Amino acid sequence: MELETEDTPAFISDSTDYDIFLHPIISLQTNSGKPSLLLHTNEIEEIPGGWLYRHYTNRHLILLRSLHIAGYGLELGCFIAGECLVKFEIEYDNFTPFAVDPIFVTFLWGLILLLGALLIPVLFRKTNNAISIISDQLKYYHFPVYILIAIFLLSKNVFKTKFSFIFNDLTLIIISGLSFYIYSRVKYEDDGRYVVTWLEYLGIQVQFSVIVAWMLVELSISTMLTISSIDGQSTKDYKFVGWPHENWTILLMSICFTISVIVLNTYKDIFFPAVLSYTFLGIYSWQRRKICLEDDDNCSESVTVTAFVFGGLLLVFIIITILYYPKLILYRVRVRT
């Protein structure tokens, strides 16, 4: 097997040859006349060094697919339960400066679940690229993300104490770390080197861009809720460590904006900054539609203007990226189609 030395994920194309396929014991499964990575456990156990390919066996793939289905089902169930609690039992009362319009929040979580659903059929494909993605890139790393997101979705809607906010912060930090690690394994500058289908692109590339960006947003929201719960006040002018909540919010927004620009410049990933642009417009909407109409103490003109400017700038940067780097945007999908 020839190892990739360049800074790209080791996706396996249908034309890749492996030394193990040359062994006389292996009874290859064929797909359009080409060998498949899908192997049988009893076959590789009889070959010296065959254990190196154990993550391509039926048994291993069944385990990984089962974990993904179970994790996604738990995540979906907790999302539905959490939304029912918000609608029927718990009022959305986040009036901190970094509060996003709940309509925007619900829509984004719905998008994440939709993209997660698109990943499931990809994992059951028998193409070399699909098998490589689940066996080499995702592995077991996504399963704890499912579990932690499910826990967070229930915790943020059920518990409203200082300790629960701190727990949510810690949970989101772990989710963000794991999600970014997966993102770094599957994401790279798109130049058409690895051609995929729309389903694979949306279920893998787009999904993890959206998840990483949204976890950054949720962590910022939860951080402001924690600060407010520690102070016992949620007003924009109340000070935490000598700094008003309004300033902390603008700092968090600036960090999110900077990270978005870096990701866009590095990977030409338009979906990550699109999520943050969407978030800033959601903050602007909630300030104008709710906070400034019902709670003058939390109505912040600085936060409103900053959100509008950051959201608009990211949209402009996304459009410029699409115009100046057309071959790096969705290139793998367009080449195939």
C-alpha atoms as a PDB file:
ATOM      1  CA  MET A   1       0.000   0.000   0.000  1.00  0.00           C
ATOM      2  CA  GLU A   2       1.473   3.314  -1.028  1.00  0.00           C
ATOM      3  CA  LEU A   3       1.252   5.899   1.732  1.00  0.00           C
ATOM      4  CA  GLU A   4       0.220   9.486   1.029  1.00  0.00           C
ATOM      5  CA  THR A   5       2.913  11.953   2.051  1.00  0.00           C
ATOM      6  CA  GLU A   6       1.068  15.134   1.159  1.00  0.00           C
ATOM      7  CA  ASP A   7      -1.289  16.962   3.454  1.00  0.00           C
ATOM      8  CA  THR A   8      -4.488  15.331   2.266  1.00  0.00           C
ATOM      9  CA  PRO A   9      -6.725  12.631   3.743  1.00  0.00           C
ATOM     10  CA  ALA A  10      -5.931   9.108   2.633  1.00  0.00           C
ATOM     11  CA  PHE A  11      -9.204   8.491   0.832  1.00  0.00           C
ATOM     12  CA  ILE A  12      -9.025   5.293  -1.181  1.00  0.00           C
ATOM     13  CA  SER A  13     -10.051   5.435  -4.805  1.00  0.00           C
ATOM     14  CA  ASP A  14     -11.438   2.543  -6.814  1.00  0.00           C
ATOM     15  CA  SER A  15      -8.172   2.313  -8.740  1.00  0.00           C
ATOM     16  CA  THR A  16      -5.999   1.775  -5.653  1.00  0.00           C
ATOM     17  CA  ASP A  17      -4.133  -1.543  -5.491  1.00  0.00           C
ATOM     18  CA  TYR A  18      -3.247  -3.275  -2.233  1.00  0.00           C
ATOM     19  CA  ASP A  19      -0.669  -6.006  -1.725  1.00  0.00           C
ATOM     20  CA  ILE A  20      -3.166  -8.045   0.256  1.00  0.00           C
ATOM     21  CA  PHE A  21      -5.345  -8.389  -2.832  1.00  0.00           C
ATOM     22  CA  LEU A  22      -2.511 -10.306  -4.539  1.00  0.00           C
ATOM     23  CA  HIS A  23      -2.504 -13.057  -1.909  1.00  0.00           C
ATOM     24  CA  PRO A  24      -4.013 -16.297  -3.252  1.00  0.00           C
ATOM     25  CA  ILE A  25      -6.148 -16.863  -0.135  1.00  0.00           C
ATOM     26  CA  ILE A  26      -8.174 -13.691  -0.645  1.00  0.00           C
ATOM     27  CA  SER A  27     -11.380 -14.261  -2.587  1.00  0.00           C
ATOM     28  CA  LEU A  28     -11.989 -10.702  -3.752  1.00  0.00           C
ATOM     29  CA  GLN A  29     -15.422  -9.200  -3.952  1.00  0.00           C
ATOM     30  CA  THR A  30     -15.705  -7.290  -7.181  1.00  0.00           C
ATOM     31  CA  ASN A  31     -17.381  -4.048  -8.043  1.00  0.00           C
ATOM     32  CA  SER A  32     -17.401  -3.215 -11.760  1.00  0.00           C
ATOM     33  CA  GLY A  33     -14.403  -5.500 -12.214  1.00  0.00           C
ATOM     34  CA  LYS A  34     -12.369  -3.756  -9.476  1.00  0.00           C
ATOM     35  CA  PRO A  35     -11.377  -5.221  -6.103  1.00  0.00           C
ATOM     36  CA  SER A  36     -13.313  -4.079  -3.064  1.00  0.00           C
ATOM     37  CA  LEU A  37     -11.795  -3.200   0.286  1.00  0.00           C
ATOM     38  CA  LEU A  38     -14.431  -5.317   2.020  1.00  0.00           C
ATOM     39  CA  LEU A  39     -12.663  -8.404   3.375  1.00  0.00           C
ATOM     40  CA  HIS A  40     -13.587 -11.411   5.502  1.00  0.00           C
ATOM     41  CA  THR A  41     -12.112 -11.889   8.956  1.00  0.00           C
ATOM     42  CA  ASN A  42     -11.317 -15.571   8.483  1.00  0.00           C
ATOM     43  CA  GLU A  43      -9.339 -14.744   5.332  1.00  0.00           C
ATOM     44  CA  ILE A  44      -7.059 -12.054   6.745  1.00  0.00           C
ATOM     45  CA  GLU A  45      -6.375 -14.136   9.874  1.00  0.00           C
ATOM     46  CA  GLU A  46      -4.640 -16.736   7.697  1.00  0.00           C
ATOM     47  CA  ILE A  47      -2.294 -14.220   6.047  1.00  0.00           C
ATOM     48  CA  PRO A  48       0.928 -12.977   7.661  1.00  0.00           C
ATOM     49  CA  GLY A  49       0.395  -9.297   8.426  1.00  0.00           C
ATOM     50  CA  GLY A  50      -3.303  -9.561   7.589  1.00  0.00           C
ATOM     51  CA  TRP A  51      -4.230  -7.968  10.927  1.00  0.00           C
ATOM     52  CA  LEU A  52      -3.235  -4.633   9.387  1.00  0.00           C
ATOM     53  CA  TYR A  53      -6.420  -4.845   7.318  1.00  0.00           C
ATOM     54  CA  ARG A  54      -8.741  -5.921  10.141  1.00  0.00           C
ATOM     55  CA  HIS A  55     -10.610  -2.597  10.042  1.00  0.00           C
ATOM     56  CA  TYR A  56     -11.798  -3.461   6.514  1.00  0.00           C
ATOM     57  CA  THR A  57     -13.638  -6.609   7.593  1.00  0.00           C
ATOM     58  CA  ASN A  58     -17.388  -7.147   7.541  1.00  0.00           C
ATOM     59  CA  ARG A  59     -17.466  -7.585  11.309  1.00  0.00           C
ATOM     60  CA  HIS A  60     -15.705  -4.286  11.949  1.00  0.00           C
ATOM     61  CA  LEU A  61     -17.879  -2.369   9.484  1.00  0.00           C
ATOM     62  CA  ILE A  62     -21.075  -3.796  10.987  1.00  0.00           C
ATOM     63  CA  LEU A  63     -19.935  -2.611  14.426  1.00  0.00           C
ATOM     64  CA  LEU A  64     -19.122   0.896  13.192  1.00  0.00           C
ATOM     65  CA  ARG A  65     -22.381   1.193  11.265  1.00  0.00           C
ATOM     66  CA  SER A  66     -24.378  -0.011  14.281  1.00  0.00           C
ATOM     67  CA  LEU A  67     -22.713   2.582  16.518  1.00  0.00           C
ATOM     68  CA  HIS A  68     -23.504   5.351  14.042  1.00  0.00           C
ATOM     69  CA  ILE A  69     -27.174   4.338  13.795  1.00  0.00           C
ATOM     70  CA  ALA A  70     -27.522   4.025  17.582  1.00  0.00           C
ATOM     71  CA  GLY A  71     -25.761   7.341  18.183  1.00  0.00           C
ATOM     72  CA  TYR A  72     -27.781   9.184  15.574  1.00  0.00           C
ATOM     73  CA  GLY A  73     -31.028   7.714  16.905  1.00  0.00           C
ATOM     74  CA  LEU A  74     -30.190   8.883  20.421  1.00  0.00           C
ATOM     75  CA  GLU A  75     -29.261  12.349  19.169  1.00  0.00           C
ATOM     76  CA  LEU A  76     -32.505  12.635  17.191  1.00  0.00           C
ATOM     77  CA  GLY A  77     -34.606  11.414  20.131  1.00  0.00           C
ATOM     78  CA  CYS A  78     -33.033  13.880  22.561  1.00  0.00           C
ATOM     79  CA  PHE A  79     -33.490  16.740  20.094  1.00  0.00           C
ATOM     80  CA  ILE A  80     -37.203  15.968  19.738  1.00  0.00           C
ATOM     81  CA  ALA A  81     -37.589  15.623  23.514  1.00  0.00           C
ATOM     82  CA  GLY A  82     -35.749  18.881  24.111  1.00  0.00           C
ATOM     83  CA  GLU A  83     -37.853  20.774  21.590  1.00  0.00           C
ATOM     84  CA  CYS A  84     -41.034  19.427  23.187  1.00  0.00           C
ATOM     85  CA  LEU A  85     -39.826  20.662  26.573  1.00  0.00           C
ATOM     86  CA  VAL A  86     -39.053  24.115  25.184  1.00  0.00           C
ATOM     87  CA  LYS A  87     -42.437  24.365  23.492  1.00  0.00           C
ATOM     88  CA  PHE A  88     -44.679  23.013  26.218  1.00  0.00           C
ATOM     89  CA  GLU A  89     -42.866  23.380  29.545  1.00  0.00           C
ATOM     90  CA  ILE A  90     -39.882  25.698  29.422  1.00  0.00           C
ATOM     91  CA  GLU A  91     -39.958  29.271  28.178  1.00  0.00           C
ATOM     92  CA  TYR A  92     -37.026  30.496  26.127  1.00  0.00           C
ATOM     93  CA  ASP A  93     -35.752  33.204  28.466  1.00  0.00           C
ATOM     94  CA  ASN A  94     -32.199  33.821  27.282  1.00  0.00           C
ATOM     95  CA  PHE A  95     -31.792  37.583  27.439  1.00  0.00           C
ATOM     96  CA  THR A  96     -27.997  37.616  27.619  1.00  0.00           C
ATOM     97  CA  PRO A  97     -26.298  39.742  24.931  1.00  0.00           C
ATOM     98  CA  PHE A  98     -25.099  36.606  23.059  1.00  0.00           C
ATOM     99  CA  ALA A  99     -28.610  35.223  22.632  1.00  0.00           C
ATOM    100  CA  VAL A 100     -29.541  33.847  19.220  1.00  0.00           C
ATOM    101  CA  ASP A 101     -33.104  33.930  17.918  1.00  0.00           C
ATOM    102  CA  PRO A 102     -34.623  30.529  18.925  1.00  0.00           C
ATOM    103  CA  ILE A 103     -36.077  30.131  15.438  1.00  0.00           C
ATOM    104  CA  PHE A 104     -32.554  30.320  14.023  1.00  0.00           C
ATOM    105  CA  VAL A 105     -31.314  27.836  16.659  1.00  0.00           C
ATOM    106  CA  THR A 106     -34.026  25.270  15.955  1.00  0.00           C
ATOM    107  CA  PHE A 107     -33.487  25.495  12.207  1.00  0.00           C
ATOM    108  CA  LEU A 108     -29.734  24.970  12.548  1.00  0.00           C
ATOM    109  CA  TRP A 109     -30.146  21.923  14.787  1.00  0.00           C
ATOM    110  CA  GLY A 110     -32.648  20.584  12.262  1.00  0.00           C
ATOM    111  CA  LEU A 111     -30.047  21.049   9.521  1.00  0.00           C
ATOM    112  CA  ILE A 112     -27.441  19.141  11.549  1.00  0.00           C
ATOM    113  CA  LEU A 113     -29.861  16.247  12.015  1.00  0.00           C
ATOM    114  CA  LEU A 114     -30.720  16.253   8.310  1.00  0.00           C
ATOM    115  CA  LEU A 115     -27.041  16.127   7.342  1.00  0.00           C
ATOM    116  CA  GLY A 116     -26.550  13.346   9.885  1.00  0.00           C
ATOM    117  CA  ALA A 117     -29.349  11.394   8.230  1.00  0.00           C
ATOM    118  CA  LEU A 118     -27.591  11.774   4.863  1.00  0.00           C
ATOM    119  CA  LEU A 119     -24.461  10.217   6.357  1.00  0.00           C
ATOM    120  CA  ILE A 120     -26.201   6.938   7.237  1.00  0.00           C
ATOM    121  CA  PRO A 121     -26.743   5.658   3.647  1.00  0.00           C
ATOM    122  CA  VAL A 122     -23.159   6.670   2.773  1.00  0.00           C
ATOM    123  CA  LEU A 123     -21.849   4.401   5.525  1.00  0.00           C
ATOM    124  CA  PHE A 124     -23.712   1.429   4.033  1.00  0.00           C
ATOM    125  CA  ARG A 125     -22.229   1.815   0.574  1.00  0.00           C
ATOM    126  CA  LYS A 126     -19.685  -0.796  -0.488  1.00  0.00           C
ATOM    127  CA  THR A 127     -17.522   1.530  -2.571  1.00  0.00           C
ATOM    128  CA  ASN A 128     -13.878   1.808  -1.599  1.00  0.00           C
ATOM    129  CA  ASN A 129     -14.275   5.501  -0.816  1.00  0.00           C
ATOM    130  CA  ALA A 130     -17.209   4.894   1.557  1.00  0.00           C
ATOM    131  CA  ILE A 131     -15.469   1.999   3.310  1.00  0.00           C
ATOM    132  CA  SER A 132     -12.313   4.066   3.681  1.00  0.00           C
ATOM    133  CA  ILE A 133     -14.237   7.001   5.167  1.00  0.00           C
ATOM    134  CA  ILE A 134     -15.893   4.944   7.895  1.00  0.00           C
ATOM    135  CA  SER A 135     -12.875   2.703   8.587  1.00  0.00           C
ATOM    136  CA  ASP A 136     -10.007   5.188   8.264  1.00  0.00           C
ATOM    137  CA  GLN A 137     -11.428   8.667   8.914  1.00  0.00           C
ATOM    138  CA  LEU A 138     -14.503   8.438  11.157  1.00  0.00           C
ATOM    139  CA  LYS A 139     -13.785   5.188  13.004  1.00  0.00           C
ATOM    140  CA  TYR A 140     -15.205   5.355  16.554  1.00  0.00           C
ATOM    141  CA  TYR A 141     -14.612   9.084  16.964  1.00  0.00           C
ATOM    142  CA  HIS A 142     -18.099  10.198  15.979  1.00  0.00           C
ATOM    143  CA  PHE A 143     -19.947   7.946  18.450  1.00  0.00           C
ATOM    144  CA  PRO A 144     -19.006   9.949  21.594  1.00  0.00           C
ATOM    145  CA  VAL A 145     -19.980  13.121  19.710  1.00  0.00           C
ATOM    146  CA  TYR A 146     -23.479  11.688  19.196  1.00  0.00           C
ATOM    147  CA  ILE A 147     -23.741  10.811  22.901  1.00  0.00           C
ATOM    148  CA  LEU A 148     -22.469  14.152  24.192  1.00  0.00           C
ATOM    149  CA  ILE A 149     -24.694  16.146  21.824  1.00  0.00           C
ATOM    150  CA  ALA A 150     -27.696  14.117  22.986  1.00  0.00           C
ATOM    151  CA  ILE A 151     -26.834  14.847  26.622  1.00  0.00           C
ATOM    152  CA  PHE A 152     -26.348  18.533  25.892  1.00  0.00           C
ATOM    153  CA  LEU A 153     -29.657  18.847  24.017  1.00  0.00           C
ATOM    154  CA  LEU A 154     -31.528  17.582  27.069  1.00  0.00           C
ATOM    155  CA  SER A 155     -29.419  19.362  29.672  1.00  0.00           C
ATOM    156  CA  LYS A 156     -29.713  22.829  28.141  1.00  0.00           C
ATOM    157  CA  ASN A 157     -33.517  22.619  28.050  1.00  0.00           C
ATOM    158  CA  VAL A 158     -34.167  20.879  31.370  1.00  0.00           C
ATOM    159  CA  PHE A 159     -31.670  22.360  33.824  1.00  0.00           C
ATOM    160  CA  LYS A 160     -31.231  26.097  34.423  1.00  0.00           C
ATOM    161  CA  THR A 161     -28.809  26.254  37.357  1.00  0.00           C
ATOM    162  CA  LYS A 162     -25.264  27.576  37.640  1.00  0.00           C
ATOM    163  CA  PHE A 163     -23.818  24.067  37.858  1.00  0.00           C
ATOM    164  CA  SER A 164     -25.789  22.871  34.838  1.00  0.00           C
ATOM    165  CA  PHE A 165     -24.426  25.778  32.785  1.00  0.00           C
ATOM    166  CA  ILE A 166     -20.873  24.862  33.810  1.00  0.00           C
ATOM    167  CA  PHE A 167     -21.617  21.225  32.926  1.00  0.00           C
ATOM    168  CA  ASN A 168     -22.879  22.342  29.509  1.00  0.00           C
ATOM    169  CA  ASP A 169     -19.695  24.377  28.990  1.00  0.00           C
ATOM    170  CA  LEU A 170     -17.498  21.371  29.724  1.00  0.00           C
ATOM    171  CA  THR A 171     -19.635  19.140  27.499  1.00  0.00           C
ATOM    172  CA  LEU A 172     -19.435  21.598  24.624  1.00  0.00           C
ATOM    173  CA  ILE A 173     -15.655  21.934  24.993  1.00  0.00           C
ATOM    174  CA  ILE A 174     -15.282  18.168  24.633  1.00  0.00           C
ATOM    175  CA  ILE A 175     -17.737  18.065  21.708  1.00  0.00           C
ATOM    176  CA  SER A 176     -15.898  20.915  19.996  1.00  0.00           C
ATOM    177  CA  GLY A 177     -12.542  19.188  20.444  1.00  0.00           C
ATOM    178  CA  LEU A 178     -13.761  15.842  19.102  1.00  0.00           C
ATOM    179  CA  SER A 179     -15.675  17.474  16.238  1.00  0.00           C
ATOM    180  CA  PHE A 180     -12.678  19.544  15.199  1.00  0.00           C
ATOM    181  CA  TYR A 181     -10.491  16.440  15.286  1.00  0.00           C
ATOM    182  CA  ILE A 182     -12.915  14.641  12.952  1.00  0.00           C
ATOM    183  CA  TYR A 183     -13.126  17.790  10.808  1.00  0.00           C
ATOM    184  CA  SER A 184      -9.340  17.839  10.472  1.00  0.00           C
ATOM    185  CA  ARG A 185      -9.402  14.193   9.324  1.00  0.00           C
ATOM    186  CA  VAL A 186     -12.044  14.596   6.617  1.00  0.00           C
ATOM    187  CA  LYS A 187     -11.652  18.213   5.520  1.00  0.00           C
ATOM    188  CA  TYR A 188      -9.067  19.690   3.186  1.00  0.00           C
ATOM    189  CA  GLU A 189      -8.836  22.226   0.383  1.00  0.00           C
ATOM    190  CA  ASP A 190     -11.157  21.013  -2.360  1.00  0.00           C
ATOM    191  CA  ASP A 191      -9.316  20.640  -5.669  1.00  0.00           C
ATOM    192  CA  GLY A 192     -11.133  17.702  -7.241  1.00  0.00           C
ATOM    193  CA  ARG A 193      -8.444  15.222  -6.259  1.00  0.00           C
ATOM    194  CA  TYR A 194     -10.993  12.988  -4.555  1.00  0.00           C
ATOM    195  CA  VAL A 195     -14.269  12.823  -6.450  1.00  0.00           C
ATOM    196  CA  VAL A 196     -17.399  12.111  -4.416  1.00  0.00           C
ATOM    197  CA  THR A 197     -21.162  12.115  -4.836  1.00  0.00           C
ATOM    198  CA  TRP A 198     -23.512  14.805  -3.549  1.00  0.00           C
ATOM    199  CA  LEU A 199     -24.662  12.472  -0.764  1.00  0.00           C
ATOM    200  CA  GLU A 200     -21.097  11.886   0.414  1.00  0.00           C
ATOM    201  CA  TYR A 201     -20.262  15.578   0.184  1.00  0.00           C
ATOM    202  CA  LEU A 202     -23.283  16.720   2.195  1.00  0.00           C
ATOM    203  CA  GLY A 203     -23.186  13.869   4.709  1.00  0.00           C
ATOM    204  CA  ILE A 204     -19.487  14.187   5.476  1.00  0.00           C
ATOM    205  CA  GLN A 205     -17.824  17.404   4.321  1.00  0.00           C
ATOM    206  CA  VAL A 206     -20.726  19.789   4.896  1.00  0.00           C
ATOM    207  CA  GLN A 207     -21.970  18.086   8.057  1.00  0.00           C
ATOM    208  CA  PHE A 208     -18.718  18.392   9.985  1.00  0.00           C
ATOM    209  CA  SER A 209     -18.193  21.974   8.832  1.00  0.00           C
ATOM    210  CA  VAL A 210     -21.625  22.842  10.204  1.00  0.00           C
ATOM    211  CA  ILE A 211     -21.176  20.861  13.435  1.00  0.00           C
ATOM    212  CA  VAL A 212     -17.806  22.408  14.316  1.00  0.00           C
ATOM    213  CA  ALA A 213     -19.061  25.927  13.584  1.00  0.00           C
ATOM    214  CA  TRP A 214     -22.307  25.461  15.506  1.00  0.00           C
ATOM    215  CA  MET A 215     -20.562  23.943  18.539  1.00  0.00           C
ATOM    216  CA  LEU A 216     -18.452  27.107  18.642  1.00  0.00           C
ATOM    217  CA  VAL A 217     -21.672  29.130  18.685  1.00  0.00           C
ATOM    218  CA  GLU A 218     -23.314  26.963  21.354  1.00  0.00           C
ATOM    219  CA  LEU A 219     -20.190  27.217  23.493  1.00  0.00           C
ATOM    220  CA  SER A 220     -20.300  31.011  23.230  1.00  0.00           C
ATOM    221  CA  ILE A 221     -23.994  31.078  24.158  1.00  0.00           C
ATOM    222  CA  SER A 222     -23.413  28.736  27.096  1.00  0.00           C
ATOM    223  CA  THR A 223     -20.410  30.758  28.272  1.00  0.00           C
ATOM    224  CA  MET A 224     -22.522  33.911  28.510  1.00  0.00           C
ATOM    225  CA  LEU A 225     -25.238  32.003  30.365  1.00  0.00           C
ATOM    226  CA  THR A 226     -22.607  30.762  32.825  1.00  0.00           C
ATOM    227  CA  ILE A 227     -21.246  34.270  33.351  1.00  0.00           C
ATOM    228  CA  SER A 228     -24.765  35.577  33.963  1.00  0.00           C
ATOM    229  CA  SER A 229     -25.583  32.760  36.409  1.00  0.00           C
ATOM    230  CA  ILE A 230     -22.384  33.363  38.387  1.00  0.00           C
ATOM    231  CA  ASP A 231     -23.118  37.085  38.615  1.00  0.00           C
ATOM    232  CA  GLY A 232     -26.801  36.533  39.231  1.00  0.00           C
ATOM    233  CA  GLN A 233     -27.489  39.213  36.635  1.00  0.00           C
ATOM    234  CA  SER A 234     -28.000  39.046  32.864  1.00  0.00           C
ATOM    235  CA  THR A 235     -28.029  42.753  32.073  1.00  0.00           C
ATOM    236  CA  LYS A 236     -25.551  43.955  29.469  1.00  0.00           C
ATOM    237  CA  ASP A 237     -23.974  46.531  31.797  1.00  0.00           C
ATOM    238  CA  TYR A 238     -23.402  44.165  34.734  1.00  0.00           C
ATOM    239  CA  LYS A 239     -19.684  43.477  35.114  1.00  0.00           C
ATOM    240  CA  PHE A 240     -17.922  40.114  35.225  1.00  0.00           C
ATOM    241  CA  VAL A 241     -14.265  40.363  36.325  1.00  0.00           C
ATOM    242  CA  GLY A 242     -14.540  44.117  35.853  1.00  0.00           C
ATOM    243  CA  TRP A 243     -15.883  43.905  32.297  1.00  0.00           C
ATOM    244  CA  PRO A 244     -19.522  44.432  31.239  1.00  0.00           C
ATOM    245  CA  HIS A 245     -21.423  41.473  29.747  1.00  0.00           C
ATOM    246  CA  GLU A 246     -21.818  43.507  26.590  1.00  0.00           C
ATOM    247  CA  ASN A 247     -18.038  43.636  26.113  1.00  0.00           C
ATOM    248  CA  TRP A 248     -17.661  39.911  26.823  1.00  0.00           C
ATOM    249  CA  THR A 249     -20.245  39.244  24.127  1.00  0.00           C
ATOM    250  CA  ILE A 250     -18.447  41.379  21.567  1.00  0.00           C
ATOM    251  CA  LEU A 251     -15.179  39.608  22.450  1.00  0.00           C
ATOM    252  CA  LEU A 252     -16.771  36.179  21.864  1.00  0.00           C
ATOM    253  CA  MET A 253     -18.284  37.394  18.598  1.00  0.00           C
ATOM    254  CA  SER A 254     -14.877  38.702  17.476  1.00  0.00           C
ATOM    255  CA  ILE A 255     -13.234  35.355  18.266  1.00  0.00           C
ATOM    256  CA  CYS A 256     -15.907  33.487  16.282  1.00  0.00           C
ATOM    257  CA  PHE A 257     -15.522  35.909  13.388  1.00  0.00           C
ATOM    258  CA  THR A 258     -11.728  35.538  13.341  1.00  0.00           C
ATOM    259  CA  ILE A 259     -11.876  31.735  13.406  1.00  0.00           C
ATOM    260  CA  SER A 260     -14.362  31.802  10.515  1.00  0.00           C
ATOM    261  CA  VAL A 261     -12.053  33.954   8.400  1.00  0.00           C
ATOM    262  CA  ILE A 262      -9.102  31.665   9.139  1.00  0.00           C
ATOM    263  CA  VAL A 263     -11.068  28.532   8.174  1.00  0.00           C
ATOM    264  CA  LEU A 264     -12.373  30.181   5.009  1.00  0.00           C
ATOM    265  CA  ASN A 265      -8.881  31.288   3.989  1.00  0.00           C
ATOM    266  CA  THR A 266      -7.256  27.939   4.820  1.00  0.00           C
ATOM    267  CA  TYR A 267      -9.770  25.431   3.448  1.00  0.00           C
ATOM    268  CA  LYS A 268     -11.951  27.618   1.228  1.00  0.00           C
ATOM    269  CA  ASP A 269     -14.736  26.102   3.328  1.00  0.00           C
ATOM    270  CA  ILE A 270     -17.762  28.335   2.743  1.00  0.00           C
ATOM    271  CA  PHE A 271     -20.053  26.389   5.091  1.00  0.00           C
ATOM    272  CA  PHE A 272     -18.184  27.140   8.322  1.00  0.00           C
ATOM    273  CA  PRO A 273     -18.381  30.940   7.950  1.00  0.00           C
ATOM    274  CA  ALA A 274     -21.921  30.605   6.581  1.00  0.00           C
ATOM    275  CA  VAL A 275     -23.000  29.133   9.936  1.00  0.00           C
ATOM    276  CA  LEU A 276     -21.350  31.998  11.814  1.00  0.00           C
ATOM    277  CA  SER A 277     -22.868  34.602   9.482  1.00  0.00           C
ATOM    278  CA  TYR A 278     -26.242  32.961  10.091  1.00  0.00           C
ATOM    279  CA  THR A 279     -25.581  33.131  13.844  1.00  0.00           C
ATOM    280  CA  PHE A 280     -24.715  36.824  13.812  1.00  0.00           C
ATOM    281  CA  LEU A 281     -27.918  37.559  11.916  1.00  0.00           C
ATOM    282  CA  GLY A 282     -29.754  35.448  14.514  1.00  0.00           C
ATOM    283  CA  ILE A 283     -28.296  37.609  17.300  1.00  0.00           C
ATOM    284  CA  TYR A 284     -29.324  40.730  15.414  1.00  0.00           C
ATOM    285  CA  SER A 285     -32.835  39.330  14.933  1.00  0.00           C
ATOM    286  CA  TRP A 286     -33.265  38.435  18.620  1.00  0.00           C
ATOM    287  CA  GLN A 287     -32.059  41.856  19.754  1.00  0.00           C
ATOM    288  CA  ARG A 288     -34.466  43.655  17.419  1.00  0.00           C
ATOM    289  CA  ARG A 289     -37.403  41.257  17.617  1.00  0.00           C
ATOM    290  CA  LYS A 290     -37.418  40.471  21.333  1.00  0.00           C
ATOM    291  CA  ILE A 291     -34.843  41.953  23.689  1.00  0.00           C
ATOM    292  CA  CYS A 292     -35.065  45.609  22.659  1.00  0.00           C
ATOM    293  CA  LEU A 293     -38.875  45.436  22.755  1.00  0.00           C
ATOM    294  CA  GLU A 294     -39.229  43.727  26.143  1.00  0.00           C
ATOM    295  CA  ASP A 295     -36.045  44.342  28.145  1.00  0.00           C
ATOM    296  CA  ASP A 296     -34.351  47.716  27.803  1.00  0.00           C
ATOM    297  CA  ASP A 297     -31.675  46.696  30.324  1.00  0.00           C
ATOM    298  CA  ASN A 298     -30.354  44.089  27.872  1.00  0.00           C
ATOM    299  CA  CYS A 299     -30.932  45.964  24.629  1.00  0.00           C
ATOM    300  CA  SER A 300     -27.430  46.548  23.273  1.00  0.00           C
ATOM    301  CA  GLU A 301     -26.873  48.747  20.270  1.00  0.00           C
ATOM    302  CA  SER A 302     -23.190  47.749  20.205  1.00  0.00           C
ATOM    303  CA  VAL A 303     -23.994  44.025  20.048  1.00  0.00           C
ATOM    304  CA  THR A 304     -26.683  44.626  17.425  1.00  0.00           C
ATOM    305  CA  VAL A 305     -24.394  46.636  15.157  1.00  0.00           C
ATOM    306  CA  THR A 306     -21.471  44.240  15.641  1.00  0.00           C
ATOM    307  CA  ALA A 307     -23.647  41.240  14.794  1.00  0.00           C
ATOM    308  CA  PHE A 308     -24.988  42.895  11.660  1.00  0.00           C
ATOM    309  CA  VAL A 309     -21.512  43.990  10.487  1.00  0.00           C
ATOM    310  CA  PHE A 310     -19.837  40.619  11.187  1.00  0.00           C
ATOM    311  CA  GLY A 311     -22.689  38.709   9.535  1.00  0.00           C
ATOM    312  CA  GLY A 312     -22.562  40.945   6.463  1.00  0.00           C
ATOM    313  CA  LEU A 313     -18.762  40.794   6.183  1.00  0.00           C
ATOM    314  CA  LEU A 314     -18.733  36.999   6.286  1.00  0.00           C
ATOM    315  CA  LEU A 315     -21.338  36.880   3.529  1.00  0.00           C
ATOM    316  CA  VAL A 316     -19.174  39.200   1.424  1.00  0.00           C
ATOM    317  CA  PHE A 317     -16.071  37.049   2.087  1.00  0.00           C
ATOM    318  CA  ILE A 318     -18.006  33.912   1.104  1.00  0.00           C
ATOM    319  CA  ILE A 319     -19.147  35.489  -2.172  1.00  0.00           C
ATOM    320  CA  ILE A 320     -15.596  36.688  -2.948  1.00  0.00           C
ATOM    321  CA  THR A 321     -14.253  33.179  -2.270  1.00  0.00           C
ATOM    322  CA  ILE A 322     -16.806  31.632  -4.619  1.00  0.00           C
ATOM    323  CA  LEU A 323     -16.000  34.145  -7.370  1.00  0.00           C
ATOM    324  CA  TYR A 324     -12.209  34.007  -7.076  1.00  0.00           C
ATOM    325  CA  TYR A 325     -11.823  30.285  -6.331  1.00  0.00           C
ATOM    326  CA  PRO A 326     -14.615  28.611  -8.327  1.00  0.00           C
ATOM    327  CA  LYS A 327     -12.601  25.397  -8.761  1.00  0.00           C
ATOM    328  CA  LEU A 328     -12.233  24.996  -5.002  1.00  0.00           C
ATOM    329  CA  ILE A 329     -15.954  25.176  -4.238  1.00  0.00           C
ATOM    330  CA  LEU A 330     -17.837  21.880  -4.605  1.00  0.00           C
ATOM    331  CA  TYR A 331     -15.247  20.886  -7.181  1.00  0.00           C
ATOM    332  CA  ARG A 332     -15.211  17.180  -6.369  1.00  0.00           C
ATOM    333  CA  VAL A 333     -18.962  16.925  -6.812  1.00  0.00           C
ATOM    334  CA  ARG A 334     -19.031  18.950 -10.035  1.00  0.00           C
ATOM    335  CA  VAL A 335     -16.255  16.885 -11.583  1.00  0.00           C
ATOM    336  CA  ARG A 336     -18.239  13.713 -11.016  1.00  0.00           C
ATOM    337  CA  THR A 337     -21.504  15.105 -12.361  1.00  0.00           C
END
